[in-house]
Amino acid sequence: MARPRNFDEEDVLRKAMALFWSKGYESTSLAELLQTTGLSKSSLYETFGSKRELFLRAFQLYKKDRMDGLTQGLSQPDAYLALTNAFKTVLDGKGSQMGCMTANEAIELAPHDPKLQEMVESDFYNIEEVFRQTIERGKENGSLRAGLDSRKLARFLTVSLQGINVMIRAQAKRDVLEDFISVALEKLNERE
């Protein structure tokens, strides 16, 4: 008979997520995972199966948390302000100094891991889609100009966001990042 768990699985996932986000998958050792999560080796394997499976579940949690936050942040009626705030939050939000876990894993693992490549691609598409919906709403309510190509602009914003995240991870100077955001957002504010 299996022993009952004496840990909170979501708490373990959040601790593992923070470690993987900070160090990356390859640089995170099993010993660090055990120390950070407080799990024994047997509990980790019984509950999650492997370091990789723990990572995949932690990455899914990251994507859900980030998408929930992005969707909520973009929900205000004024689409221009919503998008402006979303980009500014990247500089000052939770974990901002670590960049985006998705962008980090796109660089570290996706080129040689088909499962991770699929997860990253799906996440980028979901970001693009929430941007597209925000742009459409802005065109409808007049907070963005009607002539914008919603899909292309959403793709531009998605790539811009990930570029900013990579620069954050590389510890770019804040004024450089603020200038980049300013120029990216000018595309939203241009008038016909």
C-alpha atoms as a PDB file:
ATOM      1  CA  MET A   1       0.000   0.000   0.000  1.00  0.00           C
ATOM      2  CA  ALA A   2       1.344   3.414  -0.991  1.00  0.00           C
ATOM      3  CA  ARG A   3       2.032   5.929   1.756  1.00  0.00           C
ATOM      4  CA  PRO A   4      -0.161   9.017   1.726  1.00  0.00           C
ATOM      5  CA  ARG A   5       1.454  12.143   0.332  1.00  0.00           C
ATOM      6  CA  ASN A   6       2.563  14.663   2.885  1.00  0.00           C
ATOM      7  CA  PHE A   7       3.123  17.498   0.413  1.00  0.00           C
ATOM      8  CA  ASP A   8       1.046  19.864  -1.706  1.00  0.00           C
ATOM      9  CA  GLU A   9       1.548  18.895  -5.343  1.00  0.00           C
ATOM     10  CA  GLU A  10       0.841  22.406  -6.660  1.00  0.00           C
ATOM     11  CA  ASP A  11       3.329  23.881  -4.194  1.00  0.00           C
ATOM     12  CA  VAL A  12       5.952  21.417  -5.432  1.00  0.00           C
ATOM     13  CA  LEU A  13       5.142  22.309  -9.048  1.00  0.00           C
ATOM     14  CA  ARG A  14       5.470  26.027  -8.298  1.00  0.00           C
ATOM     15  CA  LYS A  15       8.841  25.537  -6.601  1.00  0.00           C
ATOM     16  CA  ALA A  16      10.068  23.370  -9.476  1.00  0.00           C
ATOM     17  CA  MET A  17       8.736  25.918 -11.981  1.00  0.00           C
ATOM     18  CA  ALA A  18      10.708  28.731 -10.318  1.00  0.00           C
ATOM     19  CA  LEU A  19      13.885  26.650 -10.355  1.00  0.00           C
ATOM     20  CA  PHE A  20      13.520  25.535 -13.987  1.00  0.00           C
ATOM     21  CA  TRP A  21      12.575  29.079 -15.021  1.00  0.00           C
ATOM     22  CA  SER A  22      15.646  30.464 -13.295  1.00  0.00           C
ATOM     23  CA  LYS A  23      18.214  27.843 -14.324  1.00  0.00           C
ATOM     24  CA  GLY A  24      16.728  26.036 -17.311  1.00  0.00           C
ATOM     25  CA  TYR A  25      16.057  22.329 -17.603  1.00  0.00           C
ATOM     26  CA  GLU A  26      19.571  21.115 -18.384  1.00  0.00           C
ATOM     27  CA  SER A  27      21.269  23.159 -15.654  1.00  0.00           C
ATOM     28  CA  THR A  28      18.866  22.039 -12.935  1.00  0.00           C
ATOM     29  CA  SER A  29      20.207  19.001 -11.128  1.00  0.00           C
ATOM     30  CA  LEU A  30      18.106  16.359  -9.437  1.00  0.00           C
ATOM     31  CA  ALA A  31      19.739  17.294  -6.120  1.00  0.00           C
ATOM     32  CA  GLU A  32      18.651  20.932  -6.574  1.00  0.00           C
ATOM     33  CA  LEU A  33      15.109  19.830  -7.399  1.00  0.00           C
ATOM     34  CA  LEU A  34      14.928  17.667  -4.296  1.00  0.00           C
ATOM     35  CA  GLN A  35      16.324  20.429  -2.091  1.00  0.00           C
ATOM     36  CA  THR A  36      14.048  23.129  -3.571  1.00  0.00           C
ATOM     37  CA  THR A  37      10.854  21.079  -3.518  1.00  0.00           C
ATOM     38  CA  GLY A  38      11.530  19.215  -0.285  1.00  0.00           C
ATOM     39  CA  LEU A  39      10.699  15.926  -2.000  1.00  0.00           C
ATOM     40  CA  SER A  40      12.550  12.705  -1.497  1.00  0.00           C
ATOM     41  CA  LYS A  41      13.826  10.977  -4.607  1.00  0.00           C
ATOM     42  CA  SER A  42      11.180   8.274  -4.273  1.00  0.00           C
ATOM     43  CA  SER A  43       8.368  10.849  -3.886  1.00  0.00           C
ATOM     44  CA  LEU A  44       9.517  12.706  -6.969  1.00  0.00           C
ATOM     45  CA  TYR A  45       9.544   9.542  -9.072  1.00  0.00           C
ATOM     46  CA  GLU A  46       6.304   8.146  -7.607  1.00  0.00           C
ATOM     47  CA  THR A  47       4.429  11.403  -8.132  1.00  0.00           C
ATOM     48  CA  PHE A  48       5.934  12.780 -11.340  1.00  0.00           C
ATOM     49  CA  GLY A  49       7.720   9.836 -12.942  1.00  0.00           C
ATOM     50  CA  SER A  50      10.899  11.672 -13.897  1.00  0.00           C
ATOM     51  CA  LYS A  51      12.672  15.010 -13.876  1.00  0.00           C
ATOM     52  CA  ARG A  52      11.391  15.552 -17.420  1.00  0.00           C
ATOM     53  CA  GLU A  53       7.762  14.891 -16.465  1.00  0.00           C
ATOM     54  CA  LEU A  54       8.084  17.226 -13.479  1.00  0.00           C
ATOM     55  CA  PHE A  55       9.506  19.842 -15.826  1.00  0.00           C
ATOM     56  CA  LEU A  56       6.686  19.395 -18.357  1.00  0.00           C
ATOM     57  CA  ARG A  57       4.051  19.795 -15.642  1.00  0.00           C
ATOM     58  CA  ALA A  58       5.832  22.830 -14.191  1.00  0.00           C
ATOM     59  CA  PHE A  59       6.064  24.345 -17.680  1.00  0.00           C
ATOM     60  CA  GLN A  60       2.326  23.750 -18.230  1.00  0.00           C
ATOM     61  CA  LEU A  61       1.622  25.536 -14.937  1.00  0.00           C
ATOM     62  CA  TYR A  62       3.831  28.450 -16.019  1.00  0.00           C
ATOM     63  CA  LYS A  63       1.999  28.731 -19.352  1.00  0.00           C
ATOM     64  CA  LYS A  64      -1.403  28.665 -17.657  1.00  0.00           C
ATOM     65  CA  ASP A  65      -0.421  31.275 -15.043  1.00  0.00           C
ATOM     66  CA  ARG A  66       1.146  33.561 -17.641  1.00  0.00           C
ATOM     67  CA  MET A  67      -1.789  33.217 -20.066  1.00  0.00           C
ATOM     68  CA  ASP A  68      -4.306  33.884 -17.281  1.00  0.00           C
ATOM     69  CA  GLY A  69      -2.375  37.019 -16.302  1.00  0.00           C
ATOM     70  CA  LEU A  70      -2.023  38.201 -19.899  1.00  0.00           C
ATOM     71  CA  THR A  71      -5.704  37.621 -20.656  1.00  0.00           C
ATOM     72  CA  GLN A  72      -6.766  39.444 -17.520  1.00  0.00           C
ATOM     73  CA  GLY A  73      -4.381  42.317 -18.220  1.00  0.00           C
ATOM     74  CA  LEU A  74      -5.677  42.677 -21.766  1.00  0.00           C
ATOM     75  CA  SER A  75      -9.342  42.644 -20.737  1.00  0.00           C
ATOM     76  CA  GLN A  76      -9.744  46.395 -20.149  1.00  0.00           C
ATOM     77  CA  PRO A  77     -11.874  48.106 -22.823  1.00  0.00           C
ATOM     78  CA  ASP A  78      -9.165  50.461 -24.130  1.00  0.00           C
ATOM     79  CA  ALA A  79      -7.072  48.070 -26.209  1.00  0.00           C
ATOM     80  CA  TYR A  80      -4.179  50.508 -26.640  1.00  0.00           C
ATOM     81  CA  LEU A  81      -3.842  50.956 -22.874  1.00  0.00           C
ATOM     82  CA  ALA A  82      -4.266  47.222 -22.303  1.00  0.00           C
ATOM     83  CA  LEU A  83      -1.462  46.370 -24.737  1.00  0.00           C
ATOM     84  CA  THR A  84       0.758  49.152 -23.366  1.00  0.00           C
ATOM     85  CA  ASN A  85       0.297  47.860 -19.822  1.00  0.00           C
ATOM     86  CA  ALA A  86       0.958  44.267 -20.926  1.00  0.00           C
ATOM     87  CA  PHE A  87       4.334  45.254 -22.346  1.00  0.00           C
ATOM     88  CA  LYS A  88       5.252  47.386 -19.348  1.00  0.00           C
ATOM     89  CA  THR A  89       4.328  44.506 -17.026  1.00  0.00           C
ATOM     90  CA  VAL A  90       6.999  42.408 -18.745  1.00  0.00           C
ATOM     91  CA  LEU A  91       9.616  44.763 -17.299  1.00  0.00           C
ATOM     92  CA  ASP A  92       8.257  44.871 -13.765  1.00  0.00           C
ATOM     93  CA  GLY A  93       6.092  41.788 -13.294  1.00  0.00           C
ATOM     94  CA  LYS A  94       6.660  38.592 -11.346  1.00  0.00           C
ATOM     95  CA  GLY A  95       9.832  36.882 -12.509  1.00  0.00           C
ATOM     96  CA  SER A  96      10.593  39.672 -14.950  1.00  0.00           C
ATOM     97  CA  GLN A  97      14.366  39.393 -14.431  1.00  0.00           C
ATOM     98  CA  MET A  98      14.212  35.783 -15.673  1.00  0.00           C
ATOM     99  CA  GLY A  99      12.487  36.642 -18.937  1.00  0.00           C
ATOM    100  CA  CYS A 100       9.782  34.300 -20.201  1.00  0.00           C
ATOM    101  CA  MET A 101      10.055  30.597 -19.425  1.00  0.00           C
ATOM    102  CA  THR A 102       8.590  29.809 -22.852  1.00  0.00           C
ATOM    103  CA  ALA A 103      11.195  31.948 -24.633  1.00  0.00           C
ATOM    104  CA  ASN A 104      13.920  30.411 -22.466  1.00  0.00           C
ATOM    105  CA  GLU A 105      12.822  26.884 -23.378  1.00  0.00           C
ATOM    106  CA  ALA A 106      12.377  27.833 -27.040  1.00  0.00           C
ATOM    107  CA  ILE A 107      16.103  28.516 -27.032  1.00  0.00           C
ATOM    108  CA  GLU A 108      17.278  25.748 -24.687  1.00  0.00           C
ATOM    109  CA  LEU A 109      15.181  22.708 -25.610  1.00  0.00           C
ATOM    110  CA  ALA A 110      12.803  23.262 -28.522  1.00  0.00           C
ATOM    111  CA  PRO A 111      15.416  22.962 -31.291  1.00  0.00           C
ATOM    112  CA  HIS A 112      16.091  19.324 -30.378  1.00  0.00           C
ATOM    113  CA  ASP A 113      12.961  18.239 -28.480  1.00  0.00           C
ATOM    114  CA  PRO A 114       9.810  17.813 -30.606  1.00  0.00           C
ATOM    115  CA  LYS A 115       7.473  17.732 -27.577  1.00  0.00           C
ATOM    116  CA  LEU A 116       8.883  21.004 -26.231  1.00  0.00           C
ATOM    117  CA  GLN A 117       8.871  22.539 -29.709  1.00  0.00           C
ATOM    118  CA  GLU A 118       5.155  21.725 -29.953  1.00  0.00           C
ATOM    119  CA  MET A 119       4.463  23.204 -26.492  1.00  0.00           C
ATOM    120  CA  VAL A 120       6.399  26.388 -27.294  1.00  0.00           C
ATOM    121  CA  GLU A 121       4.706  26.809 -30.671  1.00  0.00           C
ATOM    122  CA  SER A 122       1.291  26.326 -29.068  1.00  0.00           C
ATOM    123  CA  ASP A 123       2.083  28.904 -26.393  1.00  0.00           C
ATOM    124  CA  PHE A 124       3.263  31.458 -28.938  1.00  0.00           C
ATOM    125  CA  TYR A 125       0.063  30.896 -30.923  1.00  0.00           C
ATOM    126  CA  ASN A 126      -2.072  31.410 -27.798  1.00  0.00           C
ATOM    127  CA  ILE A 127      -0.267  34.689 -27.070  1.00  0.00           C
ATOM    128  CA  GLU A 128      -0.799  35.770 -30.667  1.00  0.00           C
ATOM    129  CA  GLU A 129      -4.483  34.913 -30.438  1.00  0.00           C
ATOM    130  CA  VAL A 130      -5.107  36.924 -27.257  1.00  0.00           C
ATOM    131  CA  PHE A 131      -3.292  39.865 -28.862  1.00  0.00           C
ATOM    132  CA  ARG A 132      -5.440  39.473 -32.015  1.00  0.00           C
ATOM    133  CA  GLN A 133      -8.641  39.456 -29.970  1.00  0.00           C
ATOM    134  CA  THR A 134      -7.516  42.583 -28.125  1.00  0.00           C
ATOM    135  CA  ILE A 135      -6.700  44.354 -31.390  1.00  0.00           C
ATOM    136  CA  GLU A 136     -10.086  43.377 -32.839  1.00  0.00           C
ATOM    137  CA  ARG A 137     -11.837  44.722 -29.755  1.00  0.00           C
ATOM    138  CA  GLY A 138      -9.871  47.958 -30.031  1.00  0.00           C
ATOM    139  CA  LYS A 139     -10.815  48.369 -33.675  1.00  0.00           C
ATOM    140  CA  GLU A 140     -14.467  47.810 -32.809  1.00  0.00           C
ATOM    141  CA  ASN A 141     -14.572  50.280 -29.907  1.00  0.00           C
ATOM    142  CA  GLY A 142     -12.304  52.895 -31.515  1.00  0.00           C
ATOM    143  CA  SER A 143      -9.359  52.589 -29.116  1.00  0.00           C
ATOM    144  CA  LEU A 144      -7.271  51.345 -32.084  1.00  0.00           C
ATOM    145  CA  ARG A 145      -7.550  52.452 -35.683  1.00  0.00           C
ATOM    146  CA  ALA A 146      -9.752  50.386 -37.959  1.00  0.00           C
ATOM    147  CA  GLY A 147      -7.173  49.847 -40.708  1.00  0.00           C
ATOM    148  CA  LEU A 148      -4.866  47.617 -38.681  1.00  0.00           C
ATOM    149  CA  ASP A 149      -4.261  44.067 -39.911  1.00  0.00           C
ATOM    150  CA  SER A 150      -5.106  42.248 -36.675  1.00  0.00           C
ATOM    151  CA  ARG A 151      -3.327  38.966 -37.447  1.00  0.00           C
ATOM    152  CA  LYS A 152      -0.092  40.516 -38.688  1.00  0.00           C
ATOM    153  CA  LEU A 153       0.026  43.012 -35.842  1.00  0.00           C
ATOM    154  CA  ALA A 154      -0.668  40.261 -33.296  1.00  0.00           C
ATOM    155  CA  ARG A 155       2.240  38.270 -34.738  1.00  0.00           C
ATOM    156  CA  PHE A 156       4.460  41.356 -34.614  1.00  0.00           C
ATOM    157  CA  LEU A 157       3.542  41.930 -30.954  1.00  0.00           C
ATOM    158  CA  THR A 158       4.144  38.263 -30.095  1.00  0.00           C
ATOM    159  CA  VAL A 159       7.616  38.299 -31.645  1.00  0.00           C
ATOM    160  CA  SER A 160       8.337  41.685 -30.027  1.00  0.00           C
ATOM    161  CA  LEU A 161       7.284  40.379 -26.623  1.00  0.00           C
ATOM    162  CA  GLN A 162       9.545  37.343 -26.927  1.00  0.00           C
ATOM    163  CA  GLY A 163      12.450  39.477 -28.130  1.00  0.00           C
ATOM    164  CA  ILE A 164      12.031  41.705 -25.088  1.00  0.00           C
ATOM    165  CA  ASN A 165      11.974  38.624 -22.862  1.00  0.00           C
ATOM    166  CA  VAL A 166      15.225  37.333 -24.360  1.00  0.00           C
ATOM    167  CA  MET A 167      16.835  40.745 -23.861  1.00  0.00           C
ATOM    168  CA  ILE A 168      15.608  40.795 -20.252  1.00  0.00           C
ATOM    169  CA  ARG A 169      17.154  37.371 -19.679  1.00  0.00           C
ATOM    170  CA  ALA A 170      20.402  38.695 -21.181  1.00  0.00           C
ATOM    171  CA  GLN A 171      20.237  41.598 -18.683  1.00  0.00           C
ATOM    172  CA  ALA A 172      19.847  44.370 -21.242  1.00  0.00           C
ATOM    173  CA  LYS A 173      19.711  47.889 -19.854  1.00  0.00           C
ATOM    174  CA  ARG A 174      16.238  49.082 -18.918  1.00  0.00           C
ATOM    175  CA  ASP A 175      16.377  52.178 -21.129  1.00  0.00           C
ATOM    176  CA  VAL A 176      17.073  49.976 -24.157  1.00  0.00           C
ATOM    177  CA  LEU A 177      14.054  47.830 -23.322  1.00  0.00           C
ATOM    178  CA  GLU A 178      11.844  50.860 -22.739  1.00  0.00           C
ATOM    179  CA  ASP A 179      12.891  52.299 -26.122  1.00  0.00           C
ATOM    180  CA  PHE A 180      12.079  49.005 -27.829  1.00  0.00           C
ATOM    181  CA  ILE A 181       8.648  48.872 -26.193  1.00  0.00           C
ATOM    182  CA  SER A 182       7.984  52.478 -27.158  1.00  0.00           C
ATOM    183  CA  VAL A 183       8.758  51.816 -30.828  1.00  0.00           C
ATOM    184  CA  ALA A 184       6.729  48.572 -30.864  1.00  0.00           C
ATOM    185  CA  LEU A 185       3.723  50.350 -29.383  1.00  0.00           C
ATOM    186  CA  GLU A 186       3.961  53.159 -31.956  1.00  0.00           C
ATOM    187  CA  LYS A 187       2.599  50.636 -34.463  1.00  0.00           C
ATOM    188  CA  LEU A 188      -0.631  50.596 -32.459  1.00  0.00           C
ATOM    189  CA  ASN A 189      -0.899  54.333 -32.181  1.00  0.00           C
ATOM    190  CA  GLU A 190      -0.216  55.247 -35.819  1.00  0.00           C
ATOM    191  CA  ARG A 191      -3.169  56.903 -37.430  1.00  0.00           C
ATOM    192  CA  GLU A 192      -4.256  56.459 -41.016  1.00  0.00           C
END
